[in-house]
Amino acid sequence: MARGTVTLVPYDPGWAERFATEATRLLETFGAEVAGLHHIGSTAVPALTAKPTIDVLLEVRDLSRFGRLRTAAERGGYAWHGEFGIAGRRYLVRAGDADGEDAVHVHAFLAGDAQVARHLAFRDYLLAHPDRAAAYGSLKAKLAAAHGDNREAYVAGKSGFIRETDALARAWRRS
């Protein structure tokens, strides 16, 4: 991951609408290959401070057929980055526009992949446990203040909290 700046903003209720708009765009681009669309990441958790980037979890029916839609994705404004460090994922990015529209990160996995369950459990755990979400927001604010010019350090600083919350979310989901 390249060095870059980290800018956090307060939760924006408009992010849910931005996700809905993006979901429509993805359905138009990928059609029958879409098995599910989910808003994930910090912008999916009300009251959580976040980078103004809409994260979309896209479940696809077949990764090889999905891969053949790369040209359509690129025509739709998505940069195709392949797995980008996570086996089984196809990572696409649509940059924010000059009018201030937020960037979009699409994490596409085969429907039923364990990563789908992990991402949804993490989001749902934060939604159900506002104290944990607040702790995550506080940690992100501290890290952004200390490492706002170094995205690698910011991400590394969150990793322990994320691993711990993943474990809590899995246990919570099982109960």
C-alpha atoms as a PDB file:
ATOM      1  CA  MET A   1       0.000   0.000   0.000  1.00  0.00           C
ATOM      2  CA  ALA A   2       1.378   3.381  -0.933  1.00  0.00           C
ATOM      3  CA  ARG A   3       1.974   6.223   1.435  1.00  0.00           C
ATOM      4  CA  GLY A   4      -0.825   8.739   1.338  1.00  0.00           C
ATOM      5  CA  THR A   5      -2.858  11.021   3.505  1.00  0.00           C
ATOM      6  CA  VAL A   6      -5.645   9.956   5.818  1.00  0.00           C
ATOM      7  CA  THR A   7      -8.568  12.334   6.180  1.00  0.00           C
ATOM      8  CA  LEU A   8     -11.413  11.409   8.515  1.00  0.00           C
ATOM      9  CA  VAL A   9     -14.772  13.161   8.570  1.00  0.00           C
ATOM     10  CA  PRO A  10     -17.823  12.874  10.834  1.00  0.00           C
ATOM     11  CA  TYR A  11     -20.507  10.395   9.840  1.00  0.00           C
ATOM     12  CA  ASP A  12     -22.649  11.625   6.952  1.00  0.00           C
ATOM     13  CA  PRO A  13     -26.225  10.266   6.730  1.00  0.00           C
ATOM     14  CA  GLY A  14     -25.960  10.775   2.961  1.00  0.00           C
ATOM     15  CA  TRP A  15     -23.536   7.850   2.746  1.00  0.00           C
ATOM     16  CA  ALA A  16     -26.453   5.385   2.799  1.00  0.00           C
ATOM     17  CA  GLU A  17     -27.915   7.112  -0.264  1.00  0.00           C
ATOM     18  CA  ARG A  18     -24.491   7.111  -1.948  1.00  0.00           C
ATOM     19  CA  PHE A  19     -24.309   3.368  -1.363  1.00  0.00           C
ATOM     20  CA  ALA A  20     -27.774   2.921  -2.907  1.00  0.00           C
ATOM     21  CA  THR A  21     -26.701   4.926  -5.961  1.00  0.00           C
ATOM     22  CA  GLU A  22     -23.540   2.863  -6.287  1.00  0.00           C
ATOM     23  CA  ALA A  23     -25.500  -0.390  -5.897  1.00  0.00           C
ATOM     24  CA  THR A  24     -27.675   0.635  -8.844  1.00  0.00           C
ATOM     25  CA  ARG A  25     -24.569   1.456 -10.902  1.00  0.00           C
ATOM     26  CA  LEU A  26     -23.024  -1.932 -10.065  1.00  0.00           C
ATOM     27  CA  LEU A  27     -26.215  -3.796 -10.959  1.00  0.00           C
ATOM     28  CA  GLU A  28     -26.301  -1.975 -14.292  1.00  0.00           C
ATOM     29  CA  THR A  29     -22.638  -2.822 -14.925  1.00  0.00           C
ATOM     30  CA  PHE A  30     -22.566  -6.463 -13.783  1.00  0.00           C
ATOM     31  CA  GLY A  31     -26.201  -7.540 -14.138  1.00  0.00           C
ATOM     32  CA  ALA A  32     -26.836 -11.233 -13.634  1.00  0.00           C
ATOM     33  CA  GLU A  33     -23.392 -11.826 -12.108  1.00  0.00           C
ATOM     34  CA  VAL A  34     -24.458  -9.929  -8.960  1.00  0.00           C
ATOM     35  CA  ALA A  35     -25.609 -12.265  -6.186  1.00  0.00           C
ATOM     36  CA  GLY A  36     -25.604  -9.639  -3.426  1.00  0.00           C
ATOM     37  CA  LEU A  37     -24.607  -6.068  -2.582  1.00  0.00           C
ATOM     38  CA  HIS A  38     -23.757  -4.829   0.907  1.00  0.00           C
ATOM     39  CA  HIS A  39     -22.629  -1.515   2.375  1.00  0.00           C
ATOM     40  CA  ILE A  40     -19.600  -2.251   4.562  1.00  0.00           C
ATOM     41  CA  GLY A  41     -16.787  -0.291   6.159  1.00  0.00           C
ATOM     42  CA  SER A  42     -16.996   2.686   8.456  1.00  0.00           C
ATOM     43  CA  THR A  43     -19.417   4.630   6.252  1.00  0.00           C
ATOM     44  CA  ALA A  44     -21.981   1.865   6.927  1.00  0.00           C
ATOM     45  CA  VAL A  45     -21.934   2.480  10.694  1.00  0.00           C
ATOM     46  CA  PRO A  46     -23.924   5.540  11.834  1.00  0.00           C
ATOM     47  CA  ALA A  47     -21.995   7.942  14.071  1.00  0.00           C
ATOM     48  CA  LEU A  48     -18.609   6.424  13.133  1.00  0.00           C
ATOM     49  CA  THR A  49     -15.924   8.804  11.898  1.00  0.00           C
ATOM     50  CA  ALA A  50     -14.635   7.611   8.541  1.00  0.00           C
ATOM     51  CA  LYS A  51     -12.646   8.314   5.434  1.00  0.00           C
ATOM     52  CA  PRO A  52     -15.311   9.499   2.967  1.00  0.00           C
ATOM     53  CA  THR A  53     -15.049   6.320   0.906  1.00  0.00           C
ATOM     54  CA  ILE A  54     -18.035   4.087   0.270  1.00  0.00           C
ATOM     55  CA  ASP A  55     -17.043   0.428   0.636  1.00  0.00           C
ATOM     56  CA  VAL A  56     -19.212  -2.054  -1.210  1.00  0.00           C
ATOM     57  CA  LEU A  57     -19.126  -5.802  -0.714  1.00  0.00           C
ATOM     58  CA  LEU A  58     -20.203  -7.333  -4.014  1.00  0.00           C
ATOM     59  CA  GLU A  59     -21.092 -11.020  -4.059  1.00  0.00           C
ATOM     60  CA  VAL A  60     -20.751 -12.532  -7.516  1.00  0.00           C
ATOM     61  CA  ARG A  61     -22.055 -15.807  -8.916  1.00  0.00           C
ATOM     62  CA  ASP A  62     -18.872 -16.814 -10.766  1.00  0.00           C
ATOM     63  CA  LEU A  63     -15.454 -15.117 -10.506  1.00  0.00           C
ATOM     64  CA  SER A  64     -14.288 -16.116 -13.982  1.00  0.00           C
ATOM     65  CA  ARG A  65     -17.448 -14.776 -15.651  1.00  0.00           C
ATOM     66  CA  PHE A  66     -17.178 -11.676 -13.468  1.00  0.00           C
ATOM     67  CA  GLY A  67     -13.576 -11.231 -14.634  1.00  0.00           C
ATOM     68  CA  ARG A  68     -14.738 -11.172 -18.246  1.00  0.00           C
ATOM     69  CA  LEU A  69     -16.695  -8.015 -17.386  1.00  0.00           C
ATOM     70  CA  ARG A  70     -13.521  -6.039 -16.665  1.00  0.00           C
ATOM     71  CA  THR A  71     -13.903  -3.889 -19.789  1.00  0.00           C
ATOM     72  CA  ALA A  72     -17.485  -3.019 -18.807  1.00  0.00           C
ATOM     73  CA  ALA A  73     -16.264  -2.116 -15.328  1.00  0.00           C
ATOM     74  CA  GLU A  74     -13.548   0.138 -16.709  1.00  0.00           C
ATOM     75  CA  ARG A  75     -16.049   1.831 -19.050  1.00  0.00           C
ATOM     76  CA  GLY A  76     -18.171   2.446 -15.944  1.00  0.00           C
ATOM     77  CA  GLY A  77     -15.286   4.270 -14.294  1.00  0.00           C
ATOM     78  CA  TYR A  78     -13.921   1.466 -12.116  1.00  0.00           C
ATOM     79  CA  ALA A  79     -10.184   0.807 -12.002  1.00  0.00           C
ATOM     80  CA  TRP A  80      -9.621  -2.966 -11.808  1.00  0.00           C
ATOM     81  CA  HIS A  81      -6.917  -4.022  -9.315  1.00  0.00           C
ATOM     82  CA  GLY A  82      -7.320  -7.821  -9.236  1.00  0.00           C
ATOM     83  CA  GLU A  83      -7.007  -9.541  -5.865  1.00  0.00           C
ATOM     84  CA  PHE A  84      -4.960  -6.675  -4.407  1.00  0.00           C
ATOM     85  CA  GLY A  85      -3.575  -8.707  -1.499  1.00  0.00           C
ATOM     86  CA  ILE A  86      -6.639 -10.787  -0.586  1.00  0.00           C
ATOM     87  CA  ALA A  87      -6.994 -14.185  -2.233  1.00  0.00           C
ATOM     88  CA  GLY A  88     -10.303 -14.630  -4.001  1.00  0.00           C
ATOM     89  CA  ARG A  89     -11.144 -10.931  -4.050  1.00  0.00           C
ATOM     90  CA  ARG A  90     -11.502  -8.674  -7.054  1.00  0.00           C
ATOM     91  CA  TYR A  91     -10.874  -5.097  -5.986  1.00  0.00           C
ATOM     92  CA  LEU A  92     -12.250  -2.178  -7.983  1.00  0.00           C
ATOM     93  CA  VAL A  93     -11.982   1.539  -7.286  1.00  0.00           C
ATOM     94  CA  ARG A  94     -14.008   4.406  -8.658  1.00  0.00           C
ATOM     95  CA  ALA A  95     -12.356   7.699  -7.778  1.00  0.00           C
ATOM     96  CA  GLY A  96     -14.337  10.589  -6.387  1.00  0.00           C
ATOM     97  CA  ASP A  97     -15.261  13.242  -8.899  1.00  0.00           C
ATOM     98  CA  ALA A  98     -14.503  16.948  -9.144  1.00  0.00           C
ATOM     99  CA  ASP A  99     -17.886  17.781  -7.597  1.00  0.00           C
ATOM    100  CA  GLY A 100     -16.770  16.179  -4.348  1.00  0.00           C
ATOM    101  CA  GLU A 101     -18.502  12.840  -4.820  1.00  0.00           C
ATOM    102  CA  ASP A 102     -16.836  10.293  -2.567  1.00  0.00           C
ATOM    103  CA  ALA A 103     -14.633   7.517  -3.874  1.00  0.00           C
ATOM    104  CA  VAL A 104     -15.976   3.970  -3.987  1.00  0.00           C
ATOM    105  CA  HIS A 105     -14.076   0.768  -3.194  1.00  0.00           C
ATOM    106  CA  VAL A 106     -15.689  -2.452  -4.402  1.00  0.00           C
ATOM    107  CA  HIS A 107     -14.640  -5.723  -2.789  1.00  0.00           C
ATOM    108  CA  ALA A 108     -16.002  -8.520  -4.995  1.00  0.00           C
ATOM    109  CA  PHE A 109     -16.024 -12.096  -3.712  1.00  0.00           C
ATOM    110  CA  LEU A 110     -17.691 -15.292  -4.821  1.00  0.00           C
ATOM    111  CA  ALA A 111     -21.049 -15.580  -3.049  1.00  0.00           C
ATOM    112  CA  GLY A 112     -20.573 -17.677   0.082  1.00  0.00           C
ATOM    113  CA  ASP A 113     -16.837 -16.919   0.428  1.00  0.00           C
ATOM    114  CA  ALA A 114     -15.724 -16.762   4.063  1.00  0.00           C
ATOM    115  CA  GLN A 115     -14.639 -13.134   3.519  1.00  0.00           C
ATOM    116  CA  VAL A 116     -18.264 -12.184   2.859  1.00  0.00           C
ATOM    117  CA  ALA A 117     -19.347 -13.533   6.246  1.00  0.00           C
ATOM    118  CA  ARG A 118     -16.354 -11.893   7.959  1.00  0.00           C
ATOM    119  CA  HIS A 119     -17.042  -8.428   6.529  1.00  0.00           C
ATOM    120  CA  LEU A 120     -20.750  -8.604   7.316  1.00  0.00           C
ATOM    121  CA  ALA A 121     -20.160  -9.891  10.854  1.00  0.00           C
ATOM    122  CA  PHE A 122     -17.684  -7.052  11.532  1.00  0.00           C
ATOM    123  CA  ARG A 123     -20.156  -4.417  10.297  1.00  0.00           C
ATOM    124  CA  ASP A 124     -23.103  -5.962  12.128  1.00  0.00           C
ATOM    125  CA  TYR A 125     -21.109  -6.284  15.346  1.00  0.00           C
ATOM    126  CA  LEU A 126     -20.248  -2.588  15.289  1.00  0.00           C
ATOM    127  CA  LEU A 127     -23.891  -1.737  14.568  1.00  0.00           C
ATOM    128  CA  ALA A 128     -25.044  -3.851  17.529  1.00  0.00           C
ATOM    129  CA  HIS A 129     -22.284  -2.652  19.882  1.00  0.00           C
ATOM    130  CA  PRO A 130     -22.081   1.154  19.778  1.00  0.00           C
ATOM    131  CA  ASP A 131     -19.448   1.139  22.536  1.00  0.00           C
ATOM    132  CA  ARG A 132     -17.134  -0.911  20.310  1.00  0.00           C
ATOM    133  CA  ALA A 133     -17.884   1.358  17.349  1.00  0.00           C
ATOM    134  CA  ALA A 134     -17.045   4.412  19.502  1.00  0.00           C
ATOM    135  CA  ALA A 135     -13.752   2.802  20.558  1.00  0.00           C
ATOM    136  CA  TYR A 136     -12.949   2.149  16.902  1.00  0.00           C
ATOM    137  CA  GLY A 137     -13.731   5.760  16.036  1.00  0.00           C
ATOM    138  CA  SER A 138     -11.479   7.011  18.834  1.00  0.00           C
ATOM    139  CA  LEU A 139      -8.633   4.761  17.725  1.00  0.00           C
ATOM    140  CA  LYS A 140      -8.975   5.913  14.110  1.00  0.00           C
ATOM    141  CA  ALA A 141      -8.947   9.577  15.184  1.00  0.00           C
ATOM    142  CA  LYS A 142      -5.779   9.041  17.246  1.00  0.00           C
ATOM    143  CA  LEU A 143      -4.084   7.201  14.412  1.00  0.00           C
ATOM    144  CA  ALA A 144      -5.076   9.834  11.845  1.00  0.00           C
ATOM    145  CA  ALA A 145      -3.676  12.555  14.100  1.00  0.00           C
ATOM    146  CA  ALA A 146      -0.416  10.672  14.541  1.00  0.00           C
ATOM    147  CA  HIS A 147      -0.091   9.223  11.032  1.00  0.00           C
ATOM    148  CA  GLY A 148      -2.266  11.415   8.820  1.00  0.00           C
ATOM    149  CA  ASP A 149       0.475  11.562   6.199  1.00  0.00           C
ATOM    150  CA  ASN A 150       1.219   7.831   6.227  1.00  0.00           C
ATOM    151  CA  ARG A 151      -1.660   5.555   5.262  1.00  0.00           C
ATOM    152  CA  GLU A 152       0.461   2.418   5.864  1.00  0.00           C
ATOM    153  CA  ALA A 153       1.049   3.352   9.505  1.00  0.00           C
ATOM    154  CA  TYR A 154      -2.621   4.280   9.935  1.00  0.00           C
ATOM    155  CA  VAL A 155      -3.770   0.902   8.586  1.00  0.00           C
ATOM    156  CA  ALA A 156      -1.168  -0.993  10.621  1.00  0.00           C
ATOM    157  CA  GLY A 157      -2.320   0.795  13.770  1.00  0.00           C
ATOM    158  CA  LYS A 158      -5.885  -0.452  13.250  1.00  0.00           C
ATOM    159  CA  SER A 159      -4.979  -4.083  12.555  1.00  0.00           C
ATOM    160  CA  GLY A 160      -4.958  -5.327  16.169  1.00  0.00           C
ATOM    161  CA  PHE A 161      -8.345  -3.753  16.881  1.00  0.00           C
ATOM    162  CA  ILE A 162      -9.766  -5.223  13.683  1.00  0.00           C
ATOM    163  CA  ARG A 163      -8.454  -8.735  14.451  1.00  0.00           C
ATOM    164  CA  GLU A 164      -9.886  -8.539  17.966  1.00  0.00           C
ATOM    165  CA  THR A 165     -13.247  -7.265  16.710  1.00  0.00           C
ATOM    166  CA  ASP A 166     -13.322  -9.962  14.017  1.00  0.00           C
ATOM    167  CA  ALA A 167     -12.972 -12.595  16.758  1.00  0.00           C
ATOM    168  CA  LEU A 168     -15.681 -10.952  18.871  1.00  0.00           C
ATOM    169  CA  ALA A 169     -17.960 -10.700  15.838  1.00  0.00           C
ATOM    170  CA  ARG A 170     -17.493 -14.383  14.949  1.00  0.00           C
ATOM    171  CA  ALA A 171     -18.324 -15.454  18.510  1.00  0.00           C
ATOM    172  CA  TRP A 172     -21.303 -13.073  18.599  1.00  0.00           C
ATOM    173  CA  ARG A 173     -22.572 -14.407  15.260  1.00  0.00           C
ATOM    174  CA  ARG A 174     -22.350 -18.004  16.501  1.00  0.00           C
ATOM    175  CA  SER A 175     -24.327 -17.231  19.678  1.00  0.00           C
END
